[in-house]
PDB file of all heavy atoms in Angstrom:
ATOM      1  N   THR A   1      64.547  23.597 -46.595  1.00  0.00           N
ATOM      2  CA  THR A   1      63.305  22.971 -47.057  1.00  0.00           C
ATOM      3  C   THR A   1      63.574  21.996 -48.205  1.00  0.00           C
ATOM      4  O   THR A   1      63.032  20.909 -48.261  1.00  0.00           O
ATOM      5  CB  THR A   1      62.302  24.056 -47.511  1.00  0.00           C
ATOM      6  OG1 THR A   1      62.030  24.911 -46.402  1.00  0.00           O
ATOM      7  CG2 THR A   1      61.000  23.449 -48.000  1.00  0.00           C
ATOM      8  N   HIS A   2      64.462  22.387 -49.137  1.00  0.00           N
ATOM      9  CA  HIS A   2      64.821  21.537 -50.244  1.00  0.00           C
ATOM     10  C   HIS A   2      65.380  20.190 -49.829  1.00  0.00           C
ATOM     11  O   HIS A   2      65.054  19.142 -50.399  1.00  0.00           O
ATOM     12  CB  HIS A   2      65.830  22.225 -51.162  1.00  0.00           C
ATOM     13  CG  HIS A   2      66.515  21.322 -52.108  1.00  0.00           C
ATOM     14  ND1 HIS A   2      65.916  20.886 -53.301  1.00  0.00           N
ATOM     15  CD2 HIS A   2      67.727  20.702 -52.078  1.00  0.00           C
ATOM     16  CE1 HIS A   2      66.740  20.032 -53.933  1.00  0.00           C
ATOM     17  NE2 HIS A   2      67.857  19.923 -53.197  1.00  0.00           N
ATOM     18  N   LYS A   3      66.222  20.200 -48.808  1.00  0.00           N
ATOM     19  CA  LYS A   3      66.850  18.961 -48.311  1.00  0.00           C
ATOM     20  C   LYS A   3      65.818  17.915 -47.953  1.00  0.00           C
ATOM     21  O   LYS A   3      66.099  16.712 -48.009  1.00  0.00           O
ATOM     22  CB  LYS A   3      67.760  19.254 -47.135  1.00  0.00           C
ATOM     23  CG  LYS A   3      69.032  19.988 -47.486  1.00  0.00           C
ATOM     24  CD  LYS A   3      69.842  20.251 -46.224  1.00  0.00           C
ATOM     25  CE  LYS A   3      71.104  20.969 -46.498  1.00  0.00           C
ATOM     26  NZ  LYS A   3      71.855  21.304 -45.254  1.00  0.00           N
ATOM     27  N   ARG A   4      64.617  18.349 -47.606  1.00  0.00           N
ATOM     28  CA  ARG A   4      63.579  17.404 -47.240  1.00  0.00           C
ATOM     29  C   ARG A   4      63.105  16.608 -48.433  1.00  0.00           C
ATOM     30  O   ARG A   4      62.482  15.530 -48.232  1.00  0.00           O
ATOM     31  CB  ARG A   4      62.436  18.165 -46.553  1.00  0.00           C
ATOM     32  CG  ARG A   4      62.846  18.751 -45.227  1.00  0.00           C
ATOM     33  CD  ARG A   4      61.699  19.468 -44.519  1.00  0.00           C
ATOM     34  NE  ARG A   4      62.211  20.009 -43.252  1.00  0.00           N
ATOM     35  CZ  ARG A   4      61.930  21.218 -42.837  1.00  0.00           C
ATOM     36  NH1 ARG A   4      61.141  22.029 -43.529  1.00  0.00           N
ATOM     37  NH2 ARG A   4      62.443  21.673 -41.694  1.00  0.00           N
ATOM     38  N   ILE A   5      63.347  17.071 -49.640  1.00  0.00           N
ATOM     39  CA  ILE A   5      63.044  16.242 -50.822  1.00  0.00           C
ATOM     40  C   ILE A   5      63.880  14.963 -50.785  1.00  0.00           C
ATOM     41  O   ILE A   5      63.378  13.866 -51.096  1.00  0.00           O
ATOM     42  CB  ILE A   5      63.360  17.030 -52.113  1.00  0.00           C
ATOM     43  CG1 ILE A   5      62.395  18.186 -52.296  1.00  0.00           C
ATOM     44  CG2 ILE A   5      63.375  16.117 -53.357  1.00  0.00           C
ATOM     45  CD1 ILE A   5      62.757  19.143 -53.404  1.00  0.00           C
ATOM     46  N   HIS A   6      65.124  15.092 -50.405  1.00  0.00           N
ATOM     47  CA  HIS A   6      66.021  13.915 -50.355  1.00  0.00           C
ATOM     48  C   HIS A   6      65.701  12.981 -49.186  1.00  0.00           C
ATOM     49  O   HIS A   6      65.845  11.787 -49.301  1.00  0.00           O
ATOM     50  CB  HIS A   6      67.482  14.392 -50.285  1.00  0.00           C
ATOM     51  CG  HIS A   6      67.877  15.250 -51.438  1.00  0.00           C
ATOM     52  ND1 HIS A   6      67.869  14.836 -52.723  1.00  0.00           N
ATOM     53  CD2 HIS A   6      68.291  16.554 -51.479  1.00  0.00           C
ATOM     54  CE1 HIS A   6      68.256  15.813 -53.542  1.00  0.00           C
ATOM     55  NE2 HIS A   6      68.523  16.876 -52.777  1.00  0.00           N
ATOM     56  N   THR A   7      65.275  13.545 -48.056  1.00  0.00           N
ATOM     57  CA  THR A   7      65.016  12.737 -46.870  1.00  0.00           C
ATOM     58  C   THR A   7      63.566  12.263 -46.817  1.00  0.00           C
ATOM     59  O   THR A   7      63.261  11.306 -46.107  1.00  0.00           O
ATOM     60  CB  THR A   7      65.305  13.538 -45.578  1.00  0.00           C
ATOM     61  OG1 THR A   7      64.378  14.645 -45.496  1.00  0.00           O
ATOM     62  CG2 THR A   7      66.726  14.043 -45.552  1.00  0.00           C
ATOM     63  N   GLY A   8      62.686  12.955 -47.546  1.00  0.00           N
ATOM     64  CA  GLY A   8      61.275  12.613 -47.483  1.00  0.00           C
ATOM     65  C   GLY A   8      60.572  13.136 -46.245  1.00  0.00           C
ATOM     66  O   GLY A   8      59.393  12.869 -46.027  1.00  0.00           O
ATOM     67  N   GLU A   9      61.282  13.933 -45.464  1.00  0.00           N
ATOM     68  CA  GLU A   9      60.732  14.472 -44.211  1.00  0.00           C
ATOM     69  C   GLU A   9      59.635  15.482 -44.509  1.00  0.00           C
ATOM     70  O   GLU A   9      59.803  16.370 -45.344  1.00  0.00           O
ATOM     71  CB  GLU A   9      61.868  15.146 -43.420  1.00  0.00           C
ATOM     72  CG  GLU A   9      61.415  15.725 -42.125  1.00  0.00           C
ATOM     73  CD  GLU A   9      62.484  16.553 -41.447  1.00  0.00           C
ATOM     74  OE1 GLU A   9      63.559  16.800 -42.017  1.00  0.00           O
ATOM     75  OE2 GLU A   9      62.248  16.946 -40.262  1.00  0.00           O
ATOM     76  N   LYS A  10      58.511  15.333 -43.823  1.00  0.00           N
ATOM     77  CA  LYS A  10      57.405  16.285 -43.873  1.00  0.00           C
ATOM     78  C   LYS A  10      56.916  16.516 -42.448  1.00  0.00           C
ATOM     79  O   LYS A  10      55.947  15.912 -42.011  1.00  0.00           O
ATOM     80  CB  LYS A  10      56.292  15.745 -44.761  1.00  0.00           C
ATOM     81  CG  LYS A  10      56.647  15.671 -46.225  1.00  0.00           C
ATOM     82  CD  LYS A  10      55.454  15.271 -47.067  1.00  0.00           C
ATOM     83  CE  LYS A  10      55.815  15.311 -48.527  1.00  0.00           C
ATOM     84  NZ  LYS A  10      54.638  14.974 -49.354  1.00  0.00           N
ATOM     85  N   PRO A  11      57.630  17.382 -41.737  1.00  0.00           N
ATOM     86  CA  PRO A  11      57.367  17.502 -40.280  1.00  0.00           C
ATOM     87  C   PRO A  11      56.151  18.348 -39.926  1.00  0.00           C
ATOM     88  O   PRO A  11      55.810  18.415 -38.749  1.00  0.00           O
ATOM     89  CB  PRO A  11      58.643  18.200 -39.772  1.00  0.00           C
ATOM     90  CG  PRO A  11      59.149  18.972 -40.962  1.00  0.00           C
ATOM     91  CD  PRO A  11      58.787  18.148 -42.156  1.00  0.00           C
ATOM     92  N   TYR A  12      55.505  18.964 -40.879  1.00  0.00           N
ATOM     93  CA  TYR A  12      54.374  19.829 -40.571  1.00  0.00           C
ATOM     94  C   TYR A  12      53.070  19.141 -41.017  1.00  0.00           C
ATOM     95  O   TYR A  12      52.882  18.832 -42.184  1.00  0.00           O
ATOM     96  CB  TYR A  12      54.508  21.170 -41.256  1.00  0.00           C
ATOM     97  CG  TYR A  12      55.786  21.863 -40.896  1.00  0.00           C
ATOM     98  CD1 TYR A  12      56.929  21.763 -41.712  1.00  0.00           C
ATOM     99  CD2 TYR A  12      55.884  22.588 -39.712  1.00  0.00           C
ATOM    100  CE1 TYR A  12      58.113  22.384 -41.359  1.00  0.00           C
ATOM    101  CE2 TYR A  12      57.099  23.216 -39.362  1.00  0.00           C
ATOM    102  CZ  TYR A  12      58.188  23.107 -40.185  1.00  0.00           C
ATOM    103  OH  TYR A  12      59.372  23.693 -39.812  1.00  0.00           O
ATOM    104  N   GLN A  13      52.134  18.930 -40.025  1.00  0.00           N
ATOM    105  CA  GLN A  13      50.921  18.191 -40.322  1.00  0.00           C
ATOM    106  C   GLN A  13      49.692  19.037 -40.062  1.00  0.00           C
ATOM    107  O   GLN A  13      49.587  19.716 -39.033  1.00  0.00           O
ATOM    108  CB  GLN A  13      50.864  16.911 -39.466  1.00  0.00           C
ATOM    109  CG  GLN A  13      49.642  16.049 -39.816  1.00  0.00           C
ATOM    110  CD  GLN A  13      49.670  14.715 -39.131  1.00  0.00           C
ATOM    111  OE1 GLN A  13      50.321  14.546 -38.090  1.00  0.00           O
ATOM    112  NE2 GLN A  13      49.005  13.736 -39.701  1.00  0.00           N
ATOM    113  N   CYS A  14      48.726  18.934 -40.952  1.00  0.00           N
ATOM    114  CA  CYS A  14      47.440  19.622 -40.811  1.00  0.00           C
ATOM    115  C   CYS A  14      46.600  18.838 -39.801  1.00  0.00           C
ATOM    116  O   CYS A  14      46.359  17.654 -39.981  1.00  0.00           O
ATOM    117  CB  CYS A  14      46.746  19.700 -42.148  1.00  0.00           C
ATOM    118  SG  CYS A  14      45.077  20.430 -42.035  1.00  0.00           S
ATOM    119  N   LEU A  15      46.154  19.474 -38.752  1.00  0.00           N
ATOM    120  CA  LEU A  15      45.358  18.841 -37.744  1.00  0.00           C
ATOM    121  C   LEU A  15      43.948  18.560 -38.223  1.00  0.00           C
ATOM    122  O   LEU A  15      43.257  17.690 -37.691  1.00  0.00           O
ATOM    123  CB  LEU A  15      45.325  19.671 -36.462  1.00  0.00           C
ATOM    124  CG  LEU A  15      46.705  19.940 -35.792  1.00  0.00           C
ATOM    125  CD1 LEU A  15      46.540  20.865 -34.597  1.00  0.00           C
ATOM    126  CD2 LEU A  15      47.354  18.644 -35.403  1.00  0.00           C
ATOM    127  N   GLU A  16      43.564  19.272 -39.256  1.00  0.00           N
ATOM    128  CA  GLU A  16      42.179  19.108 -39.812  1.00  0.00           C
ATOM    129  C   GLU A  16      42.066  17.849 -40.637  1.00  0.00           C
ATOM    130  O   GLU A  16      41.125  17.075 -40.500  1.00  0.00           O
ATOM    131  CB  GLU A  16      41.894  20.352 -40.681  1.00  0.00           C
ATOM    132  CG  GLU A  16      40.451  20.414 -41.183  1.00  0.00           C
ATOM    133  CD  GLU A  16      39.509  21.014 -40.144  1.00  0.00           C
ATOM    134  OE1 GLU A  16      39.946  21.726 -39.240  1.00  0.00           O
ATOM    135  OE2 GLU A  16      38.316  20.770 -40.304  1.00  0.00           O
ATOM    136  N   CYS A  17      43.040  17.601 -41.541  1.00  0.00           N
ATOM    137  CA  CYS A  17      42.892  16.488 -42.496  1.00  0.00           C
ATOM    138  C   CYS A  17      44.044  15.496 -42.452  1.00  0.00           C
ATOM    139  O   CYS A  17      44.011  14.430 -43.085  1.00  0.00           O
ATOM    140  CB  CYS A  17      42.718  16.990 -43.910  1.00  0.00           C
ATOM    141  SG  CYS A  17      44.192  17.789 -44.602  1.00  0.00           S
ATOM    142  N   GLY A  18      45.130  15.828 -41.715  1.00  0.00           N
ATOM    143  CA  GLY A  18      46.249  14.892 -41.577  1.00  0.00           C
ATOM    144  C   GLY A  18      47.315  15.018 -42.671  1.00  0.00           C
ATOM    145  O   GLY A  18      48.346  14.344 -42.569  1.00  0.00           O
ATOM    146  N   LYS A  19      47.109  15.806 -43.667  1.00  0.00           N
ATOM    147  CA  LYS A  19      48.070  15.973 -44.730  1.00  0.00           C
ATOM    148  C   LYS A  19      49.361  16.576 -44.178  1.00  0.00           C
ATOM    149  O   LYS A  19      49.313  17.412 -43.272  1.00  0.00           O
ATOM    150  CB  LYS A  19      47.514  16.874 -45.853  1.00  0.00           C
ATOM    151  CG  LYS A  19      48.339  16.888 -47.100  1.00  0.00           C
ATOM    152  CD  LYS A  19      47.596  17.622 -48.223  1.00  0.00           C
ATOM    153  CE  LYS A  19      48.504  17.616 -49.451  1.00  0.00           C
ATOM    154  NZ  LYS A  19      47.851  18.270 -50.579  1.00  0.00           N
ATOM    155  N   THR A  20      50.500  16.121 -44.675  1.00  0.00           N
ATOM    156  CA  THR A  20      51.813  16.598 -44.161  1.00  0.00           C
ATOM    157  C   THR A  20      52.539  17.417 -45.214  1.00  0.00           C
ATOM    158  O   THR A  20      52.331  17.273 -46.415  1.00  0.00           O
ATOM    159  CB  THR A  20      52.690  15.439 -43.721  1.00  0.00           C
ATOM    160  OG1 THR A  20      52.874  14.527 -44.783  1.00  0.00           O
ATOM    161  CG2 THR A  20      52.092  14.707 -42.506  1.00  0.00           C
ATOM    162  N   PHE A  21      53.451  18.307 -44.698  1.00  0.00           N
ATOM    163  CA  PHE A  21      54.160  19.248 -45.568  1.00  0.00           C
ATOM    164  C   PHE A  21      55.594  19.365 -45.155  1.00  0.00           C
ATOM    165  O   PHE A  21      55.944  19.174 -44.001  1.00  0.00           O
ATOM    166  CB  PHE A  21      53.471  20.616 -45.509  1.00  0.00           C
ATOM    167  CG  PHE A  21      52.035  20.569 -45.940  1.00  0.00           C
ATOM    168  CD1 PHE A  21      51.029  20.274 -45.052  1.00  0.00           C
ATOM    169  CD2 PHE A  21      51.718  20.774 -47.274  1.00  0.00           C
ATOM    170  CE1 PHE A  21      49.729  20.204 -45.473  1.00  0.00           C
ATOM    171  CE2 PHE A  21      50.418  20.700 -47.700  1.00  0.00           C
ATOM    172  CZ  PHE A  21      49.404  20.416 -46.799  1.00  0.00           C
ATOM    173  N   ALA A  22      56.448  19.741 -46.105  1.00  0.00           N
ATOM    174  CA  ALA A  22      57.858  19.908 -45.864  1.00  0.00           C
ATOM    175  C   ALA A  22      58.168  21.268 -45.232  1.00  0.00           C
ATOM    176  O   ALA A  22      59.240  21.434 -44.656  1.00  0.00           O
ATOM    177  CB  ALA A  22      58.642  19.726 -47.158  1.00  0.00           C
ATOM    178  N   SER A  23      57.269  22.231 -45.364  1.00  0.00           N
ATOM    179  CA  SER A  23      57.534  23.571 -44.808  1.00  0.00           C
ATOM    180  C   SER A  23      56.297  24.088 -44.058  1.00  0.00           C
ATOM    181  O   SER A  23      55.166  23.736 -44.377  1.00  0.00           O
ATOM    182  CB  SER A  23      57.922  24.562 -45.915  1.00  0.00           C
ATOM    183  OG  SER A  23      56.787  24.818 -46.736  1.00  0.00           O
ATOM    184  N   SER A  24      56.550  24.915 -43.057  1.00  0.00           N
ATOM    185  CA  SER A  24      55.490  25.506 -42.294  1.00  0.00           C
ATOM    186  C   SER A  24      54.639  26.452 -43.149  1.00  0.00           C
ATOM    187  O   SER A  24      53.418  26.538 -42.944  1.00  0.00           O
ATOM    188  CB  SER A  24      56.022  26.240 -41.070  1.00  0.00           C
ATOM    189  OG  SER A  24      56.860  27.302 -41.426  1.00  0.00           O
ATOM    190  N   SER A  25      55.275  27.115 -44.095  1.00  0.00           N
ATOM    191  CA  SER A  25      54.512  28.025 -44.949  1.00  0.00           C
ATOM    192  C   SER A  25      53.532  27.252 -45.834  1.00  0.00           C
ATOM    193  O   SER A  25      52.425  27.731 -46.080  1.00  0.00           O
ATOM    194  CB  SER A  25      55.456  28.902 -45.801  1.00  0.00           C
ATOM    195  OG  SER A  25      56.248  28.105 -46.618  1.00  0.00           O
ATOM    196  N   SER A  26      53.940  26.083 -46.280  1.00  0.00           N
ATOM    197  CA  SER A  26      53.003  25.270 -47.108  1.00  0.00           C
ATOM    198  C   SER A  26      51.826  24.813 -46.250  1.00  0.00           C
ATOM    199  O   SER A  26      50.699  24.777 -46.712  1.00  0.00           O
ATOM    200  CB  SER A  26      53.736  24.057 -47.689  1.00  0.00           C
ATOM    201  OG  SER A  26      54.717  24.459 -48.608  1.00  0.00           O
ATOM    202  N   LEU A  27      52.102  24.437 -45.005  1.00  0.00           N
ATOM    203  CA  LEU A  27      51.020  24.031 -44.100  1.00  0.00           C
ATOM    204  C   LEU A  27      50.084  25.217 -43.845  1.00  0.00           C
ATOM    205  O   LEU A  27      48.860  25.061 -43.947  1.00  0.00           O
ATOM    206  CB  LEU A  27      51.585  23.533 -42.783  1.00  0.00           C
ATOM    207  CG  LEU A  27      50.562  23.278 -41.680  1.00  0.00           C
ATOM    208  CD1 LEU A  27      49.529  22.232 -42.098  1.00  0.00           C
ATOM    209  CD2 LEU A  27      51.235  22.847 -40.381  1.00  0.00           C
ATOM    210  N   ASN A  28      50.636  26.383 -43.559  1.00  0.00           N
ATOM    211  CA  ASN A  28      49.792  27.537 -43.289  1.00  0.00           C
ATOM    212  C   ASN A  28      48.937  27.904 -44.491  1.00  0.00           C
ATOM    213  O   ASN A  28      47.759  28.241 -44.340  1.00  0.00           O
ATOM    214  CB  ASN A  28      50.636  28.745 -42.863  1.00  0.00           C
ATOM    215  CG  ASN A  28      51.143  28.599 -41.431  1.00  0.00           C
ATOM    216  OD1 ASN A  28      50.516  27.936 -40.613  1.00  0.00           O
ATOM    217  ND2 ASN A  28      52.273  29.185 -41.147  1.00  0.00           N
ATOM    218  N   SER A  29      49.509  27.821 -45.640  1.00  0.00           N
ATOM    219  CA  SER A  29      48.744  28.090 -46.878  1.00  0.00           C
ATOM    220  C   SER A  29      47.633  27.045 -47.053  1.00  0.00           C
ATOM    221  O   SER A  29      46.506  27.374 -47.371  1.00  0.00           O
ATOM    222  CB  SER A  29      49.690  28.070 -48.074  1.00  0.00           C
ATOM    223  OG  SER A  29      48.977  28.305 -49.265  1.00  0.00           O
ATOM    224  N   HIS A  30      47.965  25.765 -46.799  1.00  0.00           N
ATOM    225  CA  HIS A  30      46.974  24.705 -46.915  1.00  0.00           C
ATOM    226  C   HIS A  30      45.826  24.894 -45.949  1.00  0.00           C
ATOM    227  O   HIS A  30      44.655  24.657 -46.322  1.00  0.00           O
ATOM    228  CB  HIS A  30      47.666  23.355 -46.632  1.00  0.00           C
ATOM    229  CG  HIS A  30      46.690  22.256 -46.387  1.00  0.00           C
ATOM    230  ND1 HIS A  30      46.060  21.567 -47.411  1.00  0.00           N
ATOM    231  CD2 HIS A  30      46.253  21.713 -45.213  1.00  0.00           C
ATOM    232  CE1 HIS A  30      45.232  20.655 -46.864  1.00  0.00           C
ATOM    233  NE2 HIS A  30      45.327  20.733 -45.552  1.00  0.00           N
ATOM    234  N   LYS A  31      46.085  25.316 -44.720  1.00  0.00           N
ATOM    235  CA  LYS A  31      45.050  25.493 -43.721  1.00  0.00           C
ATOM    236  C   LYS A  31      43.952  26.436 -44.188  1.00  0.00           C
ATOM    237  O   LYS A  31      42.776  26.312 -43.810  1.00  0.00           O
ATOM    238  CB  LYS A  31      45.647  26.024 -42.410  1.00  0.00           C
ATOM    239  CG  LYS A  31      46.406  25.024 -41.607  1.00  0.00           C
ATOM    240  CD  LYS A  31      46.991  25.726 -40.368  1.00  0.00           C
ATOM    241  CE  LYS A  31      47.787  24.829 -39.508  1.00  0.00           C
ATOM    242  NZ  LYS A  31      48.378  25.558 -38.363  1.00  0.00           N
ATOM    243  N   ARG A  32      44.326  27.365 -45.048  1.00  0.00           N
ATOM    244  CA  ARG A  32      43.341  28.333 -45.542  1.00  0.00           C
ATOM    245  C   ARG A  32      42.295  27.692 -46.436  1.00  0.00           C
ATOM    246  O   ARG A  32      41.221  28.275 -46.633  1.00  0.00           O
ATOM    247  CB  ARG A  32      44.069  29.469 -46.250  1.00  0.00           C
ATOM    248  CG  ARG A  32      44.912  30.277 -45.309  1.00  0.00           C
ATOM    249  CD  ARG A  32      45.600  31.470 -45.981  1.00  0.00           C
ATOM    250  NE  ARG A  32      46.656  31.902 -45.095  1.00  0.00           N
ATOM    251  CZ  ARG A  32      47.940  31.938 -45.447  1.00  0.00           C
ATOM    252  NH1 ARG A  32      48.320  31.638 -46.669  1.00  0.00           N
ATOM    253  NH2 ARG A  32      48.865  32.350 -44.608  1.00  0.00           N
ATOM    254  N   ILE A  33      42.581  26.509 -46.976  1.00  0.00           N
ATOM    255  CA  ILE A  33      41.585  25.770 -47.726  1.00  0.00           C
ATOM    256  C   ILE A  33      40.436  25.391 -46.782  1.00  0.00           C
ATOM    257  O   ILE A  33      39.257  25.517 -47.161  1.00  0.00           O
ATOM    258  CB  ILE A  33      42.199  24.474 -48.352  1.00  0.00           C
ATOM    259  CG1 ILE A  33      43.182  24.869 -49.449  1.00  0.00           C
ATOM    260  CG2 ILE A  33      41.113  23.518 -48.865  1.00  0.00           C
ATOM    261  CD1 ILE A  33      44.052  23.711 -49.947  1.00  0.00           C
TER     262      ILE A  33
END
């Protein structure tokens, strides 16, 4: 997950609002909003 800081990769996207995340756990946590 850390390596994505260097690459800028955010492969996980919220289908509700389009926001992207570097980890699936961050996306899952975000979805609860």
